[in-house]
Protein backbone atom coordinates (compact mmCIF):
# COMPACT_ATOMS: atom_id res chain seq x y z
CA UNK A 1 26.56 4.64 32.93
CA UNK A 2 29.72 4.27 30.83
CA UNK A 3 29.92 0.58 31.58
CA UNK A 4 26.29 0.12 30.53
CA UNK A 5 26.86 1.91 27.24
CA UNK A 6 30.00 -0.11 26.45
CA UNK A 7 28.23 -3.36 27.32
CA UNK A 8 25.30 -2.49 25.09
CA UNK A 9 27.62 -1.62 22.23
CA UNK A 10 29.46 -4.92 22.60
CA UNK A 11 26.17 -6.86 22.64
CA UNK A 12 24.92 -5.04 19.57
CA UNK A 13 28.16 -5.66 17.72
CA UNK A 14 27.96 -9.40 18.29
CA UNK A 15 24.52 -9.42 16.69
CA UNK A 16 25.67 -7.97 13.38
CA UNK A 17 24.89 -4.46 12.25
CA UNK A 18 21.83 -3.11 10.47
CA UNK A 19 22.12 -1.03 7.33
CA UNK A 20 19.41 1.65 7.18
CA UNK A 21 19.19 2.83 3.55
CA UNK A 22 16.21 5.05 2.75
CA UNK A 23 15.43 7.93 0.42
CA UNK A 24 12.53 10.35 0.39
CA UNK A 25 12.38 11.04 4.13
CA UNK A 26 14.55 11.67 7.20
CA UNK A 27 15.76 8.34 8.64
CA UNK A 28 16.44 9.76 12.12
CA UNK A 29 13.42 8.24 13.90
CA UNK A 30 14.05 4.83 12.36
CA UNK A 31 17.70 5.08 13.40
CA UNK A 32 16.77 5.94 16.99
CA UNK A 33 14.35 3.04 17.38
CA UNK A 34 16.45 0.38 15.68
CA UNK A 35 19.55 1.48 17.61
CA UNK A 36 17.91 0.50 20.90
CA UNK A 37 18.80 -3.14 20.18
CA UNK A 38 21.18 -3.08 17.20
CA UNK A 39 24.08 -1.08 15.90
CA UNK A 40 22.75 0.84 12.89
CA UNK A 41 24.71 2.41 10.04
CA UNK A 42 23.60 4.54 7.11
CA UNK A 43 26.38 3.37 4.79
CA UNK A 44 28.49 0.20 4.58
CA UNK A 45 32.06 0.67 5.82
CA UNK A 46 33.20 -0.75 2.48
CA UNK A 47 31.45 -2.11 -0.63
CA UNK A 48 31.62 -5.60 0.93
CA UNK A 49 31.05 -4.89 4.63
CA UNK A 50 30.96 -8.23 6.52
CA UNK A 51 29.56 -6.63 9.70
CA UNK A 52 26.12 -5.98 8.16
CA UNK A 53 23.64 -8.81 8.73
CA UNK A 54 20.34 -7.03 8.01
CA UNK A 55 19.13 -4.13 5.87
CA UNK A 56 16.09 -1.90 6.49
CA UNK A 57 15.32 -0.07 3.28
CA UNK A 58 13.02 2.16 1.29
CA UNK A 59 14.06 3.02 -2.28
CA UNK A 60 17.64 2.26 -1.30
CA UNK A 61 20.61 3.36 -3.36
CA UNK A 62 21.11 1.00 -6.32
CA UNK A 63 23.58 -1.81 -5.65
CA UNK A 64 24.13 -0.83 -2.00
CA UNK A 65 23.04 -4.36 -1.00
CA UNK A 66 24.88 -6.18 -3.76
CA UNK A 67 28.14 -7.19 -2.06
CA UNK A 68 27.33 -7.66 1.61
CA UNK A 69 28.62 -11.22 2.24
CA UNK A 70 26.84 -11.81 5.56
CA UNK A 71 23.48 -10.21 4.75
CA UNK A 72 20.74 -12.47 6.12
CA UNK A 73 17.55 -10.55 5.22
CA UNK A 74 16.16 -7.30 3.86
CA UNK A 75 13.24 -5.50 5.51
CA UNK A 76 11.08 -3.08 3.51
CA UNK A 77 9.80 -0.07 5.44
CA UNK A 78 6.73 0.34 3.22
CA UNK A 79 3.98 -2.09 2.31
CA UNK A 80 5.14 -2.11 -1.31
CA UNK A 81 8.29 -3.96 -2.35
CA UNK A 82 8.48 -2.99 -6.02
CA UNK A 83 11.28 -0.55 -5.16
CA UNK A 84 13.41 -3.53 -4.13
CA UNK A 85 12.91 -5.44 -7.35
CA UNK A 86 13.94 -2.41 -9.37
CA UNK A 87 17.41 -2.59 -7.76
CA UNK A 88 19.80 -4.40 -10.13
CA UNK A 89 21.98 -5.37 -7.17
CA UNK A 90 19.27 -7.01 -5.06
CA UNK A 91 20.88 -10.07 -3.46
CA UNK A 92 19.28 -13.49 -3.15
CA UNK A 93 18.29 -13.24 0.51
CA UNK A 94 14.84 -13.31 2.18
CA UNK A 95 12.78 -10.13 1.86
CA UNK A 96 10.42 -9.30 4.71
CA UNK A 97 7.40 -7.10 4.00
CA UNK A 98 5.70 -4.84 6.50
CA UNK A 99 2.71 -6.33 8.30
CA UNK A 100 1.44 -4.32 11.26
CA UNK A 101 -1.92 -3.72 12.89
CA UNK A 102 -1.23 0.02 12.79
CA UNK A 103 -0.67 -0.01 9.02
CA UNK A 104 -3.81 -2.08 8.41
CA UNK A 105 -5.83 0.22 10.67
CA UNK A 106 -4.74 3.33 8.78
CA UNK A 107 -5.56 1.80 5.41
CA UNK A 108 -8.93 0.55 6.63
CA UNK A 109 -9.74 4.04 7.92
CA UNK A 110 -8.85 5.57 4.57
CA UNK A 111 -10.86 3.06 2.54
CA UNK A 112 -13.93 3.38 4.77
CA UNK A 113 -13.66 7.20 4.76
CA UNK A 114 -13.59 7.38 0.99
CA UNK A 115 -16.23 4.70 0.45
CA UNK A 116 -18.59 6.43 2.89
CA UNK A 117 -17.92 9.87 1.42
CA UNK A 118 -18.81 8.67 -2.08
CA UNK A 119 -21.75 6.62 -0.78
CA UNK A 120 -23.19 9.49 1.28
CA UNK A 121 -22.70 11.93 -1.64
CA UNK A 122 -20.04 14.07 -0.02
CA UNK A 123 -19.15 15.78 -3.31
CA UNK A 124 -22.75 16.79 -3.95
CA UNK A 125 -23.15 18.20 -0.45
CA UNK A 126 -19.91 20.19 -0.76
CA UNK A 127 -21.16 21.63 -4.04
CA UNK A 128 -24.50 22.49 -2.47
CA UNK A 129 -22.78 24.19 0.46
CA UNK A 130 -20.87 26.48 -1.91
CA UNK A 131 -24.20 27.45 -3.52
CA UNK A 132 -26.05 27.65 -0.18
CA UNK A 133 -28.56 25.02 -1.32
CA UNK A 134 -30.63 23.11 1.23
CA UNK A 135 -31.60 19.91 -0.57
CA UNK A 136 -31.66 16.31 0.55
CA UNK A 137 -31.02 13.86 -2.31
CA UNK A 138 -32.16 10.23 -2.22
CA UNK A 139 -29.71 8.08 -0.26
CA UNK A 140 -29.23 4.41 -1.23
CA UNK A 141 -28.79 1.83 1.52
CA UNK A 142 -25.32 0.36 2.01
CA UNK A 143 -26.53 -3.12 1.14
CA UNK A 144 -27.65 -1.84 -2.26
CA UNK A 145 -24.06 -0.88 -3.12
CA UNK A 146 -21.33 -3.31 -4.15
CA UNK A 147 -17.74 -2.43 -3.23
CA UNK A 148 -15.10 -4.40 -5.12
CA UNK A 149 -11.61 -4.72 -3.66
CA UNK A 150 -8.75 -5.55 -6.02
CA UNK A 151 -6.11 -7.19 -3.85
CA UNK A 152 -7.03 -9.41 -0.90
CA UNK A 153 -3.80 -9.33 1.06
CA UNK A 154 -3.64 -8.21 4.68
CA UNK A 155 -4.73 -4.66 3.86
CA UNK A 156 -7.51 -5.70 1.49
CA UNK A 157 -8.94 -8.26 3.89
CA UNK A 158 -8.95 -5.80 6.80
CA UNK A 159 -10.77 -3.23 4.67
CA UNK A 160 -13.25 -5.86 3.48
CA UNK A 161 -14.16 -6.84 7.05
CA UNK A 162 -14.82 -3.20 7.98
CA UNK A 163 -16.98 -2.60 4.91
CA UNK A 164 -19.01 -5.74 5.60
CA UNK A 165 -19.60 -4.47 9.13
CA UNK A 166 -20.91 -1.21 7.64
CA UNK A 167 -23.44 -3.16 5.59
CA UNK A 168 -21.92 -3.00 2.11
CA UNK A 169 -21.88 -5.91 -0.29
CA UNK A 170 -18.22 -6.71 -0.89
CA UNK A 171 -16.56 -8.40 -3.86
CA UNK A 172 -12.91 -9.34 -3.93
CA UNK A 173 -10.48 -10.03 -6.76
CA UNK A 174 -7.02 -11.53 -6.45
CA UNK A 175 -4.56 -13.28 -8.72
CA UNK A 176 -5.29 -16.64 -7.08
CA UNK A 177 -8.97 -16.24 -6.20
CA UNK A 178 -8.39 -16.13 -2.44
CA UNK A 179 -11.50 -17.13 -0.46
CA UNK A 180 -12.87 -14.97 2.35
CA UNK A 181 -16.02 -15.30 4.44
CA UNK A 182 -18.69 -12.77 3.51
CA UNK A 183 -16.92 -11.73 0.30
CA UNK A 184 -17.84 -12.79 -3.24
CA UNK A 185 -14.37 -13.76 -4.46
CA UNK A 186 -13.10 -13.79 -8.04
CA UNK A 187 -9.70 -14.85 -9.29
CA UNK A 188 -7.35 -14.68 -12.22
CA UNK A 189 -7.87 -13.26 -15.68
CA UNK A 190 -11.09 -15.21 -16.16
CA UNK A 191 -12.58 -13.71 -13.00
CA UNK A 192 -11.63 -10.09 -13.58
CA UNK A 193 -14.43 -9.02 -15.93
CA UNK A 194 -17.23 -10.69 -13.88
CA UNK A 195 -15.78 -8.98 -10.78
CA UNK A 196 -15.83 -5.57 -12.47
CA UNK A 197 -19.34 -6.05 -13.91
CA UNK A 198 -20.58 -6.73 -10.36
CA UNK A 199 -18.81 -3.71 -8.80
CA UNK A 200 -20.19 -0.21 -8.24
CA UNK A 201 -17.25 1.18 -6.29
CA UNK A 202 -13.74 -0.13 -7.07
CA UNK A 203 -11.06 -0.07 -4.34
CA UNK A 204 -7.55 -0.83 -5.62
CA UNK A 205 -5.09 -2.31 -3.09
CA UNK A 206 -2.96 -4.43 -5.41
CA UNK A 207 0.81 -4.84 -5.13
CA UNK A 208 2.82 -3.40 -8.00
CA UNK A 209 4.34 -6.09 -10.22
CA UNK A 210 5.11 -6.27 -13.95
CA UNK A 211 1.70 -7.92 -14.38
CA UNK A 212 -0.23 -5.19 -12.52
CA UNK A 213 1.58 -2.11 -13.87
CA UNK A 214 -0.99 0.10 -15.62
CA UNK A 215 -3.84 -2.33 -14.93
CA UNK A 216 -6.21 0.47 -13.88
CA UNK A 217 -6.71 1.80 -17.39
CA UNK A 218 -9.60 2.97 -19.54
CA UNK A 219 -10.48 -0.54 -20.69
CA UNK A 220 -10.72 -1.85 -17.13
CA UNK A 221 -12.70 1.14 -15.88
CA UNK A 222 -15.14 0.76 -18.77
CA UNK A 223 -16.22 -2.61 -17.40
CA UNK A 224 -17.41 -1.28 -14.03
CA UNK A 225 -21.15 -1.27 -13.37
CA UNK A 226 -22.50 2.22 -14.06
CA UNK A 227 -26.23 1.51 -13.75
CA UNK A 228 -26.24 1.43 -9.96
CA UNK A 229 -27.78 3.23 -6.96
CA UNK A 230 -24.84 5.65 -6.81
CA UNK A 231 -25.58 6.99 -10.26
CA UNK A 232 -22.25 5.86 -11.67
CA UNK A 233 -19.02 3.95 -11.01
CA UNK A 234 -16.47 5.16 -8.47
CA UNK A 235 -12.72 4.51 -8.27
CA UNK A 236 -10.58 4.56 -5.09
CA UNK A 237 -6.87 3.82 -5.51
CA UNK A 238 -4.82 3.57 -2.31
CA UNK A 239 -2.42 0.92 -3.61
CA UNK A 240 0.48 1.96 -5.83
CA UNK A 241 0.59 4.86 -8.28
CA UNK A 242 1.92 2.95 -11.25
CA UNK A 243 -1.02 0.56 -11.08
CA UNK A 244 -3.03 3.28 -12.82
CA UNK A 245 -2.90 5.38 -15.94
CA UNK A 246 -3.63 8.93 -14.78
CA UNK A 247 -4.71 10.10 -18.24
CA UNK A 248 -7.11 7.16 -18.57
CA UNK A 249 -8.77 8.05 -15.27
CA UNK A 250 -9.25 11.66 -16.40
CA UNK A 251 -10.69 10.41 -19.70
CA UNK A 252 -13.04 8.00 -17.91
CA UNK A 253 -14.33 10.85 -15.75
CA UNK A 254 -14.80 13.17 -18.70
CA UNK A 255 -16.61 10.53 -20.77
CA UNK A 256 -18.95 9.47 -17.96
CA UNK A 257 -17.35 6.06 -17.41
CA UNK A 258 -16.55 7.14 -13.86
CA UNK A 259 -18.75 9.29 -11.68
CA UNK A 260 -16.05 10.18 -9.12
CA UNK A 261 -12.59 9.11 -7.98
CA UNK A 262 -10.50 9.26 -4.81
CA UNK A 263 -6.78 8.96 -5.57
CA UNK A 264 -4.02 8.67 -2.98
CA UNK A 265 -1.32 7.52 -5.41
CA UNK A 266 -0.21 8.57 -8.88
CA UNK A 267 2.09 7.58 -11.72
CA UNK A 268 4.48 10.40 -10.79
CA UNK A 269 4.79 11.55 -7.18
CA UNK A 270 4.50 14.23 -6.02
CA UNK A 271 1.65 14.74 -8.47
CA UNK A 272 2.89 17.38 -10.97
CA UNK A 273 1.25 20.77 -10.58
CA UNK A 274 0.29 20.59 -14.25
CA UNK A 275 -1.82 17.45 -13.76
CA UNK A 276 -5.52 18.00 -14.56
CA UNK A 277 -6.40 15.69 -11.66
CA UNK A 278 -5.60 18.50 -9.18
CA UNK A 279 -8.43 20.66 -10.44
CA UNK A 280 -10.91 18.05 -11.63
CA UNK A 281 -14.15 18.73 -9.78
CA UNK A 282 -14.93 15.03 -9.34
CA UNK A 283 -11.50 13.90 -8.08
CA UNK A 284 -10.43 13.83 -4.44
CA UNK A 285 -6.62 13.95 -4.09
CA UNK A 286 -4.53 12.92 -1.07
CA UNK A 287 -0.67 12.92 -1.08
CA UNK A 288 0.10 9.19 -0.69
CA UNK A 289 -1.05 9.43 2.91
CA UNK A 290 -3.56 6.58 3.23
CA UNK A 291 -1.31 4.36 5.34
CA UNK A 292 2.04 5.84 6.30
CA UNK A 293 4.61 3.49 7.83
CA UNK A 294 5.01 4.46 11.50
CA UNK A 295 8.44 3.48 12.86
CA UNK A 296 7.11 3.39 16.42
CA UNK A 297 4.90 0.43 15.45
CA UNK A 298 7.18 -1.25 12.91
CA UNK A 299 10.73 -1.09 14.30
CA UNK A 300 10.03 -3.44 17.22
CA UNK A 301 8.61 -6.28 15.11
CA UNK A 302 11.53 -5.92 12.69
CA UNK A 303 14.03 -6.25 15.53
CA UNK A 304 12.13 -9.27 16.89
CA UNK A 305 12.38 -10.94 13.50
CA UNK A 306 16.12 -10.22 13.31
CA UNK A 307 16.66 -11.84 16.69
CA UNK A 308 14.54 -14.83 15.68
CA UNK A 309 16.62 -15.20 12.52
CA UNK A 310 19.81 -15.07 14.61
CA UNK A 311 18.43 -18.01 16.61
CA UNK A 312 17.89 -19.94 13.40
CA UNK A 313 14.12 -19.50 13.29
CA UNK A 314 12.15 -19.00 10.09
CA UNK A 315 11.30 -15.42 9.15
CA UNK A 316 7.64 -14.45 8.77
CA UNK A 317 5.85 -12.25 6.21
CA UNK A 318 8.27 -13.18 3.46
CA UNK A 319 7.92 -11.81 -0.06
CA UNK A 320 7.30 -14.37 -2.79
CA UNK A 321 9.96 -13.42 -5.33
CA UNK A 322 8.23 -15.29 -8.14
CA UNK A 323 4.96 -13.42 -7.55
CA UNK A 324 6.71 -10.11 -6.83
CA UNK A 325 4.98 -9.43 -3.49
């Protein structure tokens, strides 16, 4: 047993160590799973630790990556990578974003759950239950409702396919106007307003970049189609909190621009107890739980990529630094 352990340690050491730098949660499970095939540390041995070849991070300490001379790549634990670009010491090495069937499945479940709840008038039924009312309202068909997805990356495309299978008409908007079978696709600034005018229920799955910060504001929400079978426009944001202006969403609800909203992310998280969104009768709040990164599904693919990089192979799922995602 001792010989096995020593041999494993020697093999791991020759591969280069992994720096695990995360805040906001306990890194123990990540450490356990990554340590199966690599030596993992929570801090560099020195500001310029040559033994570290890879970093697995989430909201890492500022500048912790800045002076690692042999760092080959950085892996983000979450789907978003804006936390990396906010680090002034981010080195010029490849950044690998999370892509996993498990993550896509969770997000697709969340989007379909919220779309169906709004479509099937879940809020109205919950209100009727409190009042002990037995009434059946008119129910529009799925193909009479247009769901617009902002962001057609891996998560957006998976959600779009599921919604199409449920019978909804699906629009998609992306920066580049990405094409997708069965989806009416719009792109760029010139395509944004036509996309919104054709959308009854808006699902936001955009990455957070300087260009998308605060994009879900009162002006944007005002362009959604309100004369629709749902009786008003609906917002679902499961992307990033700083994509939206919380106060603008509350205003849009109060002024009848929005009928209802489901929000999984917020400008400040946890959502402050003083936020009016907690108690707004037409807002459904979840605590950034739409698609949690599961280390059991993500650690293995990360380790595979590290080993491929050691062999000189090209890394996959790389972040475009110019685009910011």
